[in-house]
Every structure is written in C-alpha cells, then in structure tokens.
Amino acid sequence: HLVESGGGLVQPGGSLKLSCAASGSAADWAGIGWFRQAPGKEREGVAFIDSSGGRTYYADSVKDRFTISRANAEPTFYLQMNSLKPEDTAVYYCAAETAFPSVQALCRTRPSLIGYWGQGTQVTVSS
C-alpha cells in the first residue's frame, strides 16, 4: 500500500527528500506521514499530514526543519528534510491510517496502532 523512495547519506546541515506513494486515492487515508527508528531506540513519530493537505503535525525535534506535503493530483506524499543533524540518522518509515482522530494523534500514537507501513529507508547524517 505504501512505497517509499529517497534517503541516503548526507553531511550535517544538508537536505534530503523522502517520497511515499500510497495506493488508491488521497481521500482514502485519514493521515500519512513518517516514523523513524534509530539503532537501539524506539520508533517515533516525525510528521503527519491529512488527506486534504490542510493539517500537518511535527515532532518538536524536527519542527522548522522538516516539511511534509502532498502532490496535487496523486496520493504521493513528501518529507523535505533540511538542516539535517547526526541525530536525525535513522530508518524512516512511511506510515498511514484510514481512520484516526487527528494527525497529531497519529504522530504521537504507539506504532502498533498504525496499520499501514512502507518498507523503510535509511537516512544517515554524517561527515
């Protein structure tokens, strides 16, 4: 249902853009976004957007550096990551649900409560 692309190795201060292509139409999804998991740490919510693109939510750790958006005509979603830091290094997973109270709730919920996941993509920030 979710196919990710993007990721890779970037120096601190650099930028990367992740993409997530969802099946069906954007209206099928209550919210789509990203979680990430660093080695030895729990999976954590990063950013989510609703199907209309009108509501977004960001974790405090990425606010003002990351931007989540959606394509106009297709159910494809993007995470633009700027001013990357070594602590942003993790496997990033696209995640989505068809019904959830809000994008804030999606971003802050336990990963076990989210039913749809991408395959994950590695983001490494290192000099």
N, C-alpha and C. Protein backbone atom coordinates (compact mmCIF):
# COMPACT_ATOMS: atom_id res chain seq x y z
N HIS A 1 0.80 -1.21 0.00
CA HIS A 1 0.00 0.00 0.00
C HIS A 1 0.84 1.27 0.00
N LEU A 2 2.02 1.22 0.60
CA LEU A 2 2.90 2.38 0.71
C LEU A 2 4.26 2.02 0.16
N VAL A 3 4.76 2.82 -0.77
CA VAL A 3 6.07 2.59 -1.37
C VAL A 3 6.91 3.83 -1.18
N GLU A 4 8.05 3.65 -0.50
CA GLU A 4 8.91 4.78 -0.20
C GLU A 4 10.06 4.89 -1.18
N SER A 5 10.59 6.10 -1.29
CA SER A 5 11.84 6.32 -2.01
C SER A 5 12.54 7.51 -1.39
N GLY A 6 13.80 7.65 -1.72
CA GLY A 6 14.61 8.72 -1.15
C GLY A 6 15.54 8.15 -0.10
N GLY A 7 16.06 9.00 0.74
CA GLY A 7 17.01 8.57 1.74
C GLY A 7 18.42 8.55 1.19
N GLY A 8 19.38 8.23 2.08
CA GLY A 8 20.77 8.17 1.67
C GLY A 8 21.68 8.80 2.70
N LEU A 9 22.89 9.13 2.25
CA LEU A 9 23.91 9.71 3.12
C LEU A 9 24.06 11.19 2.82
N VAL A 10 24.07 12.01 3.85
CA VAL A 10 24.20 13.45 3.68
C VAL A 10 25.03 14.01 4.82
N GLN A 11 25.75 15.10 4.56
CA GLN A 11 26.53 15.75 5.60
C GLN A 11 25.64 16.58 6.51
N PRO A 12 26.08 16.81 7.73
CA PRO A 12 25.31 17.69 8.63
C PRO A 12 25.05 19.04 7.98
N GLY A 13 23.82 19.51 8.15
CA GLY A 13 23.41 20.75 7.53
C GLY A 13 22.81 20.57 6.14
N GLY A 14 22.91 19.37 5.60
CA GLY A 14 22.40 19.11 4.26
C GLY A 14 20.91 18.81 4.25
N SER A 15 20.43 18.45 3.06
CA SER A 15 19.00 18.20 2.86
C SER A 15 18.76 16.89 2.14
N LEU A 16 17.61 16.30 2.41
CA LEU A 16 17.14 15.11 1.70
C LEU A 16 15.64 15.20 1.57
N LYS A 17 15.10 14.49 0.57
CA LYS A 17 13.65 14.46 0.39
C LYS A 17 13.18 13.02 0.26
N LEU A 18 12.24 12.64 1.10
CA LEU A 18 11.64 11.32 1.04
C LEU A 18 10.28 11.40 0.35
N SER A 19 9.93 10.33 -0.36
CA SER A 19 8.63 10.24 -1.00
C SER A 19 7.90 8.99 -0.54
N CYS A 20 6.59 9.06 -0.51
CA CYS A 20 5.77 7.91 -0.15
C CYS A 20 4.57 7.89 -1.08
N ALA A 21 4.49 6.86 -1.91
CA ALA A 21 3.38 6.71 -2.83
C ALA A 21 2.37 5.74 -2.23
N ALA A 22 1.14 6.22 -2.05
CA ALA A 22 0.10 5.40 -1.44
C ALA A 22 -0.83 4.84 -2.51
N SER A 23 -1.41 3.69 -2.24
CA SER A 23 -2.37 3.11 -3.16
C SER A 23 -3.71 3.83 -3.04
N GLY A 24 -4.56 3.66 -4.04
CA GLY A 24 -5.87 4.30 -4.01
C GLY A 24 -5.78 5.79 -4.25
N SER A 25 -6.64 6.54 -3.59
CA SER A 25 -6.63 8.00 -3.70
C SER A 25 -6.29 8.61 -2.35
N ALA A 26 -5.90 9.86 -2.37
CA ALA A 26 -5.52 10.52 -1.12
C ALA A 26 -6.67 10.53 -0.13
N ALA A 27 -7.90 10.60 -0.64
CA ALA A 27 -9.06 10.67 0.24
C ALA A 27 -9.29 9.38 1.02
N ASP A 28 -8.63 8.29 0.60
CA ASP A 28 -8.79 7.02 1.30
C ASP A 28 -8.09 7.01 2.65
N TRP A 29 -7.18 7.96 2.85
CA TRP A 29 -6.32 7.94 4.03
C TRP A 29 -6.65 9.09 4.97
N ALA A 30 -6.82 8.79 6.24
CA ALA A 30 -7.04 9.83 7.25
C ALA A 30 -5.78 10.66 7.44
N GLY A 31 -4.64 10.01 7.33
CA GLY A 31 -3.39 10.72 7.50
C GLY A 31 -2.23 9.84 7.06
N ILE A 32 -1.21 10.49 6.52
CA ILE A 32 0.01 9.80 6.09
C ILE A 32 1.20 10.59 6.62
N GLY A 33 2.22 9.87 7.01
CA GLY A 33 3.41 10.57 7.49
C GLY A 33 4.57 9.62 7.67
N TRP A 34 5.48 10.01 8.55
CA TRP A 34 6.67 9.24 8.77
C TRP A 34 6.95 9.02 10.25
N PHE A 35 7.40 7.81 10.55
CA PHE A 35 8.06 7.49 11.80
C PHE A 35 9.53 7.24 11.47
N ARG A 36 10.35 7.26 12.50
CA ARG A 36 11.75 6.89 12.33
C ARG A 36 12.22 6.08 13.52
N GLN A 37 13.25 5.26 13.26
CA GLN A 37 13.80 4.43 14.32
C GLN A 37 15.31 4.39 14.21
N ALA A 38 15.97 4.93 15.23
CA ALA A 38 17.42 4.91 15.30
C ALA A 38 17.86 3.63 16.01
N PRO A 39 19.10 3.18 15.80
CA PRO A 39 19.58 1.96 16.47
C PRO A 39 19.44 2.05 17.97
N GLY A 40 18.82 1.03 18.56
CA GLY A 40 18.67 0.97 20.00
C GLY A 40 17.58 1.85 20.57
N LYS A 41 16.83 2.50 19.71
CA LYS A 41 15.76 3.40 20.18
C LYS A 41 14.40 2.95 19.67
N GLU A 42 13.36 3.45 20.32
CA GLU A 42 12.01 3.14 19.89
C GLU A 42 11.64 3.93 18.64
N ARG A 43 10.70 3.36 17.89
CA ARG A 43 10.19 4.06 16.73
C ARG A 43 9.39 5.28 17.19
N GLU A 44 9.64 6.44 16.56
CA GLU A 44 8.98 7.67 16.99
C GLU A 44 8.37 8.39 15.79
N GLY A 45 7.24 9.07 16.04
CA GLY A 45 6.60 9.84 15.00
C GLY A 45 7.40 11.08 14.66
N VAL A 46 7.42 11.42 13.38
CA VAL A 46 8.19 12.57 12.89
C VAL A 46 7.25 13.67 12.38
N ALA A 47 6.39 13.33 11.41
CA ALA A 47 5.49 14.32 10.82
C ALA A 47 4.35 13.60 10.13
N PHE A 48 3.15 14.24 10.18
CA PHE A 48 1.97 13.69 9.53
C PHE A 48 1.19 14.78 8.85
N ILE A 49 0.43 14.38 7.81
CA ILE A 49 -0.41 15.31 7.07
C ILE A 49 -1.74 14.61 6.79
N ASP A 50 -2.83 15.38 6.76
CA ASP A 50 -4.11 14.76 6.47
C ASP A 50 -4.31 14.64 4.96
N SER A 51 -5.39 13.99 4.54
CA SER A 51 -5.59 13.69 3.12
C SER A 51 -5.77 14.93 2.27
N SER A 52 -6.31 16.00 2.85
CA SER A 52 -6.51 17.23 2.09
C SER A 52 -5.24 18.07 2.01
N GLY A 53 -4.27 17.75 2.86
CA GLY A 53 -3.06 18.55 2.92
C GLY A 53 -3.20 19.79 3.77
N GLY A 54 -4.37 19.96 4.40
CA GLY A 54 -4.62 21.17 5.16
C GLY A 54 -4.10 21.16 6.57
N ARG A 55 -3.89 19.99 7.13
CA ARG A 55 -3.42 19.88 8.51
C ARG A 55 -2.13 19.08 8.56
N THR A 56 -1.18 19.62 9.29
CA THR A 56 0.09 18.93 9.48
C THR A 56 0.45 18.94 10.96
N TYR A 57 1.31 18.03 11.33
CA TYR A 57 1.82 17.98 12.70
C TYR A 57 3.25 17.49 12.65
N TYR A 58 4.11 18.12 13.47
CA TYR A 58 5.52 17.77 13.51
C TYR A 58 5.96 17.48 14.94
N ALA A 59 6.85 16.52 15.08
CA ALA A 59 7.51 16.32 16.36
C ALA A 59 8.37 17.55 16.65
N ASP A 60 8.52 17.87 17.93
CA ASP A 60 9.30 19.04 18.30
C ASP A 60 10.73 18.97 17.76
N SER A 61 11.27 17.77 17.68
CA SER A 61 12.67 17.61 17.27
C SER A 61 12.92 17.98 15.81
N VAL A 62 11.86 18.04 15.00
CA VAL A 62 12.05 18.33 13.58
C VAL A 62 11.32 19.59 13.14
N LYS A 63 10.57 20.19 14.03
CA LYS A 63 9.80 21.38 13.69
C LYS A 63 10.74 22.47 13.17
N ASP A 64 10.30 23.15 12.14
CA ASP A 64 11.04 24.24 11.48
C ASP A 64 12.20 23.75 10.62
N ARG A 65 12.44 22.44 10.59
CA ARG A 65 13.49 21.89 9.71
C ARG A 65 12.90 20.96 8.65
N PHE A 66 11.85 20.24 8.99
CA PHE A 66 11.22 19.30 8.08
C PHE A 66 9.89 19.87 7.62
N THR A 67 9.52 19.53 6.37
CA THR A 67 8.23 19.95 5.83
C THR A 67 7.57 18.76 5.14
N ILE A 68 6.34 18.47 5.52
CA ILE A 68 5.59 17.39 4.90
C ILE A 68 4.56 18.00 3.96
N SER A 69 4.39 17.37 2.79
CA SER A 69 3.46 17.90 1.80
C SER A 69 2.90 16.75 0.97
N ARG A 70 1.93 17.06 0.12
CA ARG A 70 1.36 16.06 -0.76
C ARG A 70 1.35 16.59 -2.18
N ALA A 71 1.39 15.67 -3.13
CA ALA A 71 1.30 16.05 -4.53
C ALA A 71 -0.14 16.47 -4.82
N ASN A 72 -0.31 17.28 -5.86
CA ASN A 72 -1.64 17.81 -6.16
C ASN A 72 -2.61 16.76 -6.67
N ALA A 73 -2.16 15.92 -7.58
CA ALA A 73 -3.09 15.04 -8.28
C ALA A 73 -2.98 13.58 -7.88
N GLU A 74 -1.94 13.21 -7.17
CA GLU A 74 -1.73 11.80 -6.84
C GLU A 74 -1.58 11.62 -5.34
N PRO A 75 -1.86 10.41 -4.85
CA PRO A 75 -1.64 10.18 -3.42
C PRO A 75 -0.16 9.92 -3.13
N THR A 76 0.66 10.91 -3.43
CA THR A 76 2.09 10.84 -3.13
C THR A 76 2.42 11.93 -2.14
N PHE A 77 3.19 11.58 -1.15
CA PHE A 77 3.49 12.49 -0.06
C PHE A 77 5.00 12.64 0.06
N TYR A 78 5.44 13.81 0.52
CA TYR A 78 6.86 14.12 0.58
C TYR A 78 7.25 14.60 1.97
N LEU A 79 8.48 14.28 2.34
CA LEU A 79 9.07 14.83 3.56
C LEU A 79 10.37 15.49 3.18
N GLN A 80 10.37 16.81 3.14
CA GLN A 80 11.58 17.58 2.86
C GLN A 80 12.31 17.80 4.17
N MET A 81 13.54 17.34 4.23
CA MET A 81 14.32 17.43 5.47
C MET A 81 15.51 18.35 5.23
N ASN A 82 15.52 19.47 5.92
CA ASN A 82 16.60 20.45 5.81
C ASN A 82 17.37 20.54 7.12
N SER A 83 18.53 21.16 7.06
CA SER A 83 19.37 21.36 8.25
C SER A 83 19.52 20.06 9.03
N LEU A 84 19.83 19.00 8.34
CA LEU A 84 19.91 17.69 8.97
C LEU A 84 21.04 17.62 9.98
N LYS A 85 20.78 16.87 11.04
CA LYS A 85 21.73 16.70 12.13
C LYS A 85 22.09 15.22 12.27
N PRO A 86 23.23 14.91 12.85
CA PRO A 86 23.57 13.49 13.06
C PRO A 86 22.49 12.73 13.82
N GLU A 87 21.80 13.40 14.72
CA GLU A 87 20.75 12.71 15.49
C GLU A 87 19.50 12.42 14.67
N ASP A 88 19.45 12.91 13.45
CA ASP A 88 18.35 12.54 12.54
C ASP A 88 18.61 11.20 11.86
N THR A 89 19.78 10.63 12.05
CA THR A 89 20.12 9.35 11.46
C THR A 89 19.19 8.26 11.98
N ALA A 90 18.52 7.58 11.06
CA ALA A 90 17.55 6.55 11.43
C ALA A 90 17.01 5.90 10.16
N VAL A 91 16.25 4.82 10.35
CA VAL A 91 15.44 4.28 9.27
C VAL A 91 14.10 5.00 9.35
N TYR A 92 13.69 5.58 8.23
CA TYR A 92 12.45 6.33 8.17
C TYR A 92 11.38 5.46 7.49
N TYR A 93 10.23 5.37 8.14
CA TYR A 93 9.12 4.55 7.66
C TYR A 93 7.92 5.42 7.35
N CYS A 94 7.42 5.30 6.13
CA CYS A 94 6.15 5.92 5.80
C CYS A 94 5.05 5.13 6.52
N ALA A 95 4.07 5.84 7.06
CA ALA A 95 3.01 5.20 7.82
C ALA A 95 1.68 5.87 7.50
N ALA A 96 0.60 5.13 7.58
CA ALA A 96 -0.70 5.69 7.24
C ALA A 96 -1.82 4.92 7.93
N GLU A 97 -2.93 5.64 8.09
CA GLU A 97 -4.13 5.02 8.62
C GLU A 97 -5.34 5.56 7.88
N THR A 98 -6.39 4.76 7.83
CA THR A 98 -7.62 5.16 7.15
C THR A 98 -8.60 5.85 8.08
N ALA A 99 -8.39 5.71 9.37
CA ALA A 99 -9.27 6.36 10.34
C ALA A 99 -8.48 6.65 11.60
N PHE A 100 -8.45 7.93 12.00
CA PHE A 100 -7.74 8.33 13.21
C PHE A 100 -8.25 9.70 13.60
N PRO A 101 -8.25 10.04 14.90
CA PRO A 101 -8.85 11.31 15.33
C PRO A 101 -8.19 12.55 14.72
N SER A 102 -6.87 12.54 14.58
CA SER A 102 -6.18 13.72 14.10
C SER A 102 -4.76 13.35 13.68
N VAL A 103 -4.12 14.23 12.92
CA VAL A 103 -2.74 13.97 12.53
C VAL A 103 -1.81 14.06 13.74
N GLN A 104 -2.18 14.90 14.71
CA GLN A 104 -1.39 14.96 15.93
C GLN A 104 -1.43 13.61 16.65
N ALA A 105 -2.62 13.04 16.74
CA ALA A 105 -2.76 11.74 17.40
C ALA A 105 -1.99 10.66 16.65
N LEU A 106 -2.01 10.70 15.33
CA LEU A 106 -1.27 9.73 14.54
C LEU A 106 0.22 9.81 14.83
N CYS A 107 0.73 11.01 14.87
CA CYS A 107 2.17 11.20 15.06
C CYS A 107 2.62 10.76 16.45
N ARG A 108 1.73 10.86 17.43
CA ARG A 108 2.10 10.61 18.81
C ARG A 108 1.67 9.25 19.31
N THR A 109 1.02 8.47 18.44
CA THR A 109 0.50 7.18 18.90
C THR A 109 1.57 6.10 18.92
N ARG A 110 1.23 4.98 19.53
CA ARG A 110 2.14 3.84 19.51
C ARG A 110 2.17 3.26 18.10
N PRO A 111 3.35 2.91 17.61
CA PRO A 111 3.44 2.34 16.25
C PRO A 111 2.54 1.13 16.04
N SER A 112 2.30 0.36 17.09
CA SER A 112 1.47 -0.85 16.97
C SER A 112 0.02 -0.53 16.59
N LEU A 113 -0.39 0.72 16.75
CA LEU A 113 -1.76 1.10 16.43
C LEU A 113 -1.92 1.58 14.99
N ILE A 114 -0.84 1.65 14.26
CA ILE A 114 -0.88 2.07 12.86
C ILE A 114 -0.83 0.84 11.97
N GLY A 115 -1.75 0.77 11.01
CA GLY A 115 -1.91 -0.47 10.25
C GLY A 115 -1.13 -0.56 8.95
N TYR A 116 -0.67 0.55 8.42
CA TYR A 116 -0.03 0.54 7.10
C TYR A 116 1.36 1.15 7.19
N TRP A 117 2.34 0.41 6.64
CA TRP A 117 3.74 0.84 6.71
C TRP A 117 4.44 0.65 5.37
N GLY A 118 5.36 1.58 5.11
CA GLY A 118 6.27 1.39 3.99
C GLY A 118 7.41 0.48 4.39
N GLN A 119 8.31 0.24 3.44
CA GLN A 119 9.39 -0.71 3.68
C GLN A 119 10.54 -0.12 4.47
N GLY A 120 10.57 1.20 4.63
CA GLY A 120 11.64 1.85 5.37
C GLY A 120 12.78 2.25 4.46
N THR A 121 13.40 3.39 4.77
CA THR A 121 14.56 3.85 4.02
C THR A 121 15.57 4.47 4.98
N GLN A 122 16.84 4.19 4.75
CA GLN A 122 17.88 4.65 5.67
C GLN A 122 18.26 6.08 5.36
N VAL A 123 18.31 6.89 6.40
CA VAL A 123 18.85 8.25 6.31
C VAL A 123 20.04 8.32 7.26
N THR A 124 21.19 8.67 6.72
CA THR A 124 22.40 8.78 7.52
C THR A 124 22.97 10.17 7.37
N VAL A 125 23.15 10.84 8.51
CA VAL A 125 23.72 12.19 8.52
C VAL A 125 25.08 12.11 9.19
N SER A 126 26.12 12.28 8.39
CA SER A 126 27.47 12.10 8.91
C SER A 126 28.46 12.83 8.02
N SER A 127 29.52 13.35 8.64
CA SER A 127 30.59 13.98 7.87
C SER A 127 31.68 12.97 7.53
